[in-house]
Protein backbone atom coordinates (compact mmCIF):
# COMPACT_ATOMS: atom_id res chain seq x y z
CA UNK A 1 7.24 51.07 195.24
CA UNK A 2 8.23 48.55 197.95
CA UNK A 3 11.96 49.19 198.21
CA UNK A 4 12.05 52.83 197.20
CA UNK A 5 9.81 53.71 200.14
CA UNK A 6 12.77 52.98 202.44
CA UNK A 7 14.55 56.01 200.95
CA UNK A 8 13.36 58.98 202.96
CA UNK A 9 15.69 61.55 201.39
CA UNK A 10 18.23 62.03 198.62
CA UNK A 11 21.66 63.66 198.78
CA UNK A 12 22.29 66.12 195.97
CA UNK A 13 25.71 66.98 194.60
CA UNK A 14 27.50 69.65 196.62
CA UNK A 15 29.30 72.41 194.73
CA UNK A 16 32.23 72.65 197.07
CA UNK A 17 33.77 71.20 200.19
CA UNK A 18 34.30 74.56 201.89
CA UNK A 19 31.78 77.10 203.12
CA UNK A 20 33.44 79.91 201.17
CA UNK A 21 33.11 78.01 197.88
CA UNK A 22 29.48 77.17 198.59
CA UNK A 23 28.72 80.81 199.35
CA UNK A 24 30.36 81.74 196.05
CA UNK A 25 28.03 79.35 194.23
CA UNK A 26 25.09 80.75 196.20
CA UNK A 27 25.94 84.28 195.05
CA UNK A 28 26.36 83.15 191.42
CA UNK A 29 23.05 81.26 191.41
CA UNK A 30 21.27 84.13 193.14
CA UNK A 31 22.45 86.55 190.47
CA UNK A 32 21.34 84.24 187.64
CA UNK A 33 18.00 83.57 189.33
CA UNK A 34 17.21 87.24 189.92
CA UNK A 35 18.23 88.11 186.34
CA UNK A 36 15.92 85.40 184.99
CA UNK A 37 13.02 86.56 187.15
CA UNK A 38 13.60 90.19 186.21
CA UNK A 39 13.91 89.53 182.48
CA UNK A 40 10.91 87.22 182.23
CA UNK A 41 8.92 89.43 184.60
CA UNK A 42 9.53 92.46 182.38
CA UNK A 43 8.29 90.51 179.35
CA UNK A 44 5.17 89.42 181.24
CA UNK A 45 4.40 92.94 182.40
CA UNK A 46 5.16 94.58 179.04
CA UNK A 47 2.97 92.14 177.10
CA UNK A 48 0.14 92.38 179.61
CA UNK A 49 0.16 96.20 179.83
CA UNK A 50 0.85 97.25 176.23
CA UNK A 51 -2.18 96.74 174.01
CA UNK A 52 0.06 96.80 170.90
CA UNK A 53 1.54 93.50 172.05
CA UNK A 54 -1.82 91.77 172.38
CA UNK A 55 -1.12 89.55 169.38
CA UNK A 56 -0.69 85.75 169.08
CA UNK A 57 3.12 85.97 168.88
CA UNK A 58 3.40 87.89 172.15
CA UNK A 59 0.70 85.79 173.78
CA UNK A 60 2.86 82.71 173.23
CA UNK A 61 5.93 84.66 174.34
CA UNK A 62 4.08 85.44 177.58
CA UNK A 63 3.47 81.70 178.07
CA UNK A 64 7.15 81.03 177.37
CA UNK A 65 8.19 83.58 180.00
CA UNK A 66 5.86 81.98 182.56
CA UNK A 67 7.32 78.54 181.86
CA UNK A 68 10.89 79.87 182.07
CA UNK A 69 10.17 81.39 185.48
CA UNK A 70 8.66 78.10 186.63
CA UNK A 71 11.48 75.88 185.39
CA UNK A 72 14.30 77.93 186.89
CA UNK A 73 12.36 78.26 190.17
CA UNK A 74 12.20 74.46 190.37
CA UNK A 75 15.96 73.92 190.50
CA UNK A 76 17.89 76.98 191.69
CA UNK A 77 16.13 77.88 194.99
CA UNK A 78 16.83 74.45 196.48
CA UNK A 79 20.42 74.50 195.21
CA UNK A 80 20.90 77.97 196.72
CA UNK A 81 19.38 76.88 200.04
CA UNK A 82 21.69 73.84 200.22
CA UNK A 83 24.75 76.00 199.49
CA UNK A 84 23.70 78.62 202.05
CA UNK A 85 22.96 76.13 204.83
CA UNK A 86 25.85 73.77 203.99
CA UNK A 87 23.67 70.74 203.32
CA UNK A 88 22.84 68.51 200.34
CA UNK A 89 19.68 66.75 201.50
CA UNK A 90 16.30 66.85 199.77
CA UNK A 91 13.30 64.87 200.96
CA UNK A 92 11.85 62.00 198.91
CA UNK A 93 8.64 63.99 198.35
CA UNK A 94 10.63 67.11 197.49
CA UNK A 95 12.69 65.19 194.95
CA UNK A 96 9.54 63.76 193.34
CA UNK A 97 7.99 67.24 193.21
CA UNK A 98 11.16 68.65 191.65
CA UNK A 99 11.15 65.97 188.94
CA UNK A 100 7.45 66.52 188.26
CA UNK A 101 7.60 70.30 187.94
CA UNK A 102 10.85 70.39 185.98
CA UNK A 103 9.61 67.88 183.40
CA UNK A 104 6.25 69.68 183.32
CA UNK A 105 7.74 73.11 182.63
CA UNK A 106 10.34 71.86 180.13
CA UNK A 107 7.82 69.67 178.29
CA UNK A 108 5.27 72.49 178.09
CA UNK A 109 7.97 74.94 176.98
CA UNK A 110 8.97 72.65 174.11
CA UNK A 111 5.32 72.45 173.06
CA UNK A 112 5.00 76.25 173.20
CA UNK A 113 8.14 76.62 171.05
CA UNK A 114 6.55 74.26 168.51
CA UNK A 115 3.34 76.31 168.50
CA UNK A 116 5.39 79.51 168.08
CA UNK A 117 6.96 78.01 164.93
CA UNK A 118 3.46 77.45 163.57
CA UNK A 119 2.56 81.03 164.46
CA UNK A 120 5.53 82.40 162.49
CA UNK A 121 4.72 80.07 159.58
CA UNK A 122 1.15 81.32 159.32
CA UNK A 123 2.17 84.97 159.78
CA UNK A 124 4.73 84.87 156.95
CA UNK A 125 3.48 82.17 154.58
CA UNK A 126 -0.30 82.64 154.99
CA UNK A 127 -0.74 86.24 156.17
CA UNK A 128 -4.26 86.56 154.75
CA UNK A 129 -5.43 83.64 156.90
CA UNK A 130 -3.60 84.73 160.07
CA UNK A 131 -6.67 86.16 161.79
CA UNK A 132 -8.81 83.09 161.11
CA UNK A 133 -6.18 80.44 161.89
CA UNK A 134 -4.81 82.17 164.99
CA UNK A 135 -7.77 83.88 166.58
CA UNK A 136 -8.00 84.37 170.33
CA UNK A 137 -9.87 81.11 170.85
CA UNK A 138 -7.42 79.10 168.74
CA UNK A 139 -4.44 80.62 170.61
CA UNK A 140 -6.01 79.80 173.98
CA UNK A 141 -6.66 76.22 172.88
CA UNK A 142 -3.09 75.75 171.61
CA UNK A 143 -1.65 77.20 174.82
CA UNK A 144 -3.90 74.96 176.92
CA UNK A 145 -2.84 71.96 174.84
CA UNK A 146 0.83 72.83 175.41
CA UNK A 147 0.39 73.13 179.18
CA UNK A 148 -1.80 70.01 179.28
CA UNK A 149 0.68 67.93 177.29
CA UNK A 150 3.44 69.02 179.66
CA UNK A 151 1.34 67.94 182.64
CA UNK A 152 0.55 64.49 181.20
CA UNK A 153 4.13 64.02 180.06
CA UNK A 154 5.42 64.92 183.52
CA UNK A 155 2.89 62.73 185.30
CA UNK A 156 3.94 59.73 183.19
CA UNK A 157 7.67 60.24 183.80
CA UNK A 158 7.35 60.96 187.52
CA UNK A 159 5.11 57.94 188.15
CA UNK A 160 7.43 55.61 186.24
CA UNK A 161 10.61 56.95 187.82
CA UNK A 162 9.46 56.75 191.44
CA UNK A 163 7.80 53.36 191.06
CA UNK A 164 11.24 51.85 190.44
CA UNK A 165 12.78 50.09 193.49
CA UNK A 166 15.89 51.91 194.70
CA UNK A 167 18.65 50.09 196.54
CA UNK A 168 21.89 51.67 195.29
CA UNK A 169 22.03 54.33 197.97
CA UNK A 170 20.50 57.77 197.88
CA UNK A 171 23.28 59.97 196.43
CA UNK A 172 22.23 61.82 193.27
CA UNK A 173 25.19 63.06 191.22
CA UNK A 174 23.43 66.27 190.24
CA UNK A 175 22.49 69.58 191.87
CA UNK A 176 18.79 68.77 191.35
CA UNK A 177 16.76 65.58 191.05
CA UNK A 178 17.26 64.39 187.49
CA UNK A 179 15.60 61.26 186.11
CA UNK A 180 18.74 59.55 184.68
CA UNK A 181 20.59 60.04 187.97
CA UNK A 182 17.70 58.59 189.98
CA UNK A 183 17.49 55.57 187.66
CA UNK A 184 21.14 54.83 188.43
CA UNK A 185 19.99 53.99 191.97
CA UNK A 186 17.69 51.25 190.69
CA UNK A 187 18.31 47.67 191.76
CA UNK A 188 16.12 45.82 189.24
CA UNK A 189 15.20 45.71 185.59
CA UNK A 190 12.10 47.78 186.33
CA UNK A 191 14.00 50.87 185.24
CA UNK A 192 13.74 49.60 181.63
CA UNK A 193 10.11 50.73 181.67
CA UNK A 194 11.18 54.32 182.25
CA UNK A 195 13.91 53.92 179.63
CA UNK A 196 11.18 52.89 177.20
CA UNK A 197 9.21 56.02 178.10
CA UNK A 198 12.34 58.11 177.54
CA UNK A 199 12.85 56.54 174.09
CA UNK A 200 9.21 57.31 173.25
CA UNK A 201 9.74 60.87 174.45
CA UNK A 202 12.79 61.23 172.22
CA UNK A 203 10.78 60.17 169.17
CA UNK A 204 7.99 62.58 170.16
CA UNK A 205 10.49 65.41 170.62
CA UNK A 206 12.04 64.56 167.26
CA UNK A 207 8.59 64.83 165.65
CA UNK A 208 8.16 68.33 167.10
CA UNK A 209 11.67 69.24 165.99
CA UNK A 210 10.91 68.03 162.46
CA UNK A 211 7.76 70.16 162.44
CA UNK A 212 9.80 73.22 163.47
CA UNK A 213 12.41 72.54 160.77
CA UNK A 214 9.79 72.09 158.03
CA UNK A 215 8.01 75.27 159.18
CA UNK A 216 11.21 77.30 158.97
CA UNK A 217 12.13 75.88 155.59
CA UNK A 218 8.80 77.19 154.31
CA UNK A 219 9.34 80.49 156.15
CA UNK A 220 12.79 81.10 154.67
CA UNK A 221 11.55 80.23 151.19
CA UNK A 222 8.76 82.80 151.59
CA UNK A 223 11.12 85.43 153.00
CA UNK A 224 13.59 85.03 150.13
CA UNK A 225 10.77 85.73 147.70
CA UNK A 226 9.97 89.07 149.37
CA UNK A 227 10.90 91.99 147.09
CA UNK A 228 11.76 94.53 149.78
CA UNK A 229 14.73 94.45 152.13
CA UNK A 230 12.54 95.94 154.86
CA UNK A 231 10.29 92.89 154.68
CA UNK A 232 13.33 90.67 155.09
CA UNK A 233 14.46 92.53 158.20
CA UNK A 234 11.00 92.46 159.78
CA UNK A 235 10.57 88.73 159.14
CA UNK A 236 14.02 87.82 160.42
CA UNK A 237 13.65 90.05 163.50
CA UNK A 238 10.68 87.95 164.64
CA UNK A 239 11.98 84.55 163.50
CA UNK A 240 15.65 84.56 164.49
CA UNK A 241 15.08 84.99 168.27
CA UNK A 242 12.67 82.06 168.28
CA UNK A 243 15.04 79.95 166.17
CA UNK A 244 17.94 80.80 168.49
CA UNK A 245 15.96 79.75 171.57
CA UNK A 246 14.89 76.50 169.89
CA UNK A 247 18.50 75.70 168.97
CA UNK A 248 19.79 76.51 172.47
CA UNK A 249 17.02 74.51 174.15
CA UNK A 250 17.24 71.42 171.92
CA UNK A 251 21.02 71.25 171.49
CA UNK A 252 21.80 71.35 175.21
CA UNK A 253 19.05 68.86 176.14
CA UNK A 254 19.96 66.44 173.34
CA UNK A 255 23.65 66.52 174.19
CA UNK A 256 22.86 65.97 177.86
CA UNK A 257 20.62 62.92 177.28
CA UNK A 258 21.99 61.41 174.03
CA UNK A 259 25.73 61.67 174.57
CA UNK A 260 27.81 58.50 174.54
CA UNK A 261 28.41 56.89 177.98
CA UNK A 262 32.15 57.01 177.25
CA UNK A 263 31.97 60.81 177.38
CA UNK A 264 30.05 60.82 180.65
CA UNK A 265 31.58 62.20 183.83
CA UNK A 266 30.11 63.87 186.93
CA UNK A 267 31.57 67.27 186.01
CA UNK A 268 30.38 67.07 182.38
CA UNK A 269 26.90 65.92 183.45
CA UNK A 270 26.76 68.85 185.87
CA UNK A 271 27.71 71.39 183.20
CA UNK A 272 25.26 69.99 180.65
CA UNK A 273 22.39 69.93 183.13
CA UNK A 274 23.18 73.52 184.08
CA UNK A 275 23.12 74.47 180.39
CA UNK A 276 19.69 73.02 179.61
CA UNK A 277 17.92 73.76 182.91
CA UNK A 278 19.32 77.16 183.95
CA UNK A 279 20.82 78.97 180.96
CA UNK A 280 17.77 79.05 178.59
CA UNK A 281 15.36 80.61 181.14
CA UNK A 282 17.98 83.23 181.99
CA UNK A 283 18.96 84.23 178.44
CA UNK A 284 15.62 83.83 176.62
CA UNK A 285 14.42 87.35 177.58
CA UNK A 286 17.72 88.82 176.36
CA UNK A 287 17.53 86.92 173.05
CA UNK A 288 13.97 88.02 172.39
CA UNK A 289 14.53 91.65 173.33
CA UNK A 290 17.74 92.15 171.33
CA UNK A 291 16.12 92.16 167.86
CA UNK A 292 12.50 92.91 168.71
CA UNK A 293 11.93 96.66 168.49
CA UNK A 294 8.29 96.47 169.60
CA UNK A 295 9.24 94.64 172.78
CA UNK A 296 12.10 97.02 173.52
CA UNK A 297 9.79 100.00 173.07
CA UNK A 298 7.23 98.44 175.42
CA UNK A 299 9.89 97.79 178.08
CA UNK A 300 11.19 101.37 177.79
CA UNK A 301 7.63 102.64 178.12
CA UNK A 302 7.17 100.46 181.20
CA UNK A 303 10.39 101.77 182.78
CA UNK A 304 9.37 105.36 182.03
CA UNK A 305 5.97 104.77 183.65
CA UNK A 306 7.54 103.16 186.73
CA UNK A 307 10.01 106.05 187.03
CA UNK A 308 7.23 108.60 186.69
CA UNK A 309 5.15 106.84 189.33
CA UNK A 310 8.16 106.67 191.65
CA UNK A 311 8.84 110.40 191.25
CA UNK A 312 5.17 111.28 191.81
CA UNK A 313 5.03 109.11 194.91
CA UNK A 314 8.21 110.66 196.31
CA UNK A 315 6.96 114.19 195.56
CA UNK A 316 3.58 113.49 197.19
CA UNK A 317 5.15 112.02 200.31
CA UNK A 318 7.56 114.99 200.57
CA UNK A 319 4.69 117.43 200.14
CA UNK A 320 2.60 115.70 202.82
CA UNK A 321 5.54 115.67 205.25
CA UNK A 322 6.11 119.39 204.59
CA UNK A 323 2.47 120.20 205.32
């Protein structure tokens, strides 16, 4: 990367030209970030501590929560720090690391969502084979494959993006380092190589999307054949949250990357990037907990245990101080 090495830092998009407006954005991002960490952290703790949730579906949900925490931690902390300290700079290495981890977490999350569709398909359409097809070893292998594919996918994109010579300045029109915005700084046709990788990625993502659609067509056909209304409710309570997350994740990302250039503007690009990189990790725990009674019961049990421990600790400390 002969010319890009002369770029020592990038300038990210600032959210306001006054300190008060930047502090407002800092407070908004801090609230969203803490809500995402709390929601995903509760899912992680509930699944890990409640033995009733030690099933393949919740194992993959645990992986999804981990990836959501990772993806939102890649973008928001730096944006909050820049707003708090009234700066927009990010180092060249920091920008490369941000691209790598964001693509890694998003790519792995998409793979996990695809595996979760297969899990629901087997649970509803082939319930007698569920234990054999989705045993603990098979689940671990599928999760490892999802994380591994995200790593390879990210390594390929990051290497291609930062091997492109950059000579169009160092201002990135985004609040985090995004591949399309970095490619706009290219000064040669070398960026076409990364465009080719992006096109390949789109076809790969479409293949996963087609697999999810076919799986849910089979699922809905099986559900409609169920004689009891209770079976319908139970099936839909586990499928609809996953389907909602898939739709939210894919629709925002596709609109951000496949929209017509005539509709492109800095403000629209900013909103779309916020929708696919920040909103899903923050709302996924809420979507999954709204219709999942088992998860809600586990979270209530966790809160009750934490409250009991807090009361016992306070009582013990008061007793010791009295003695």
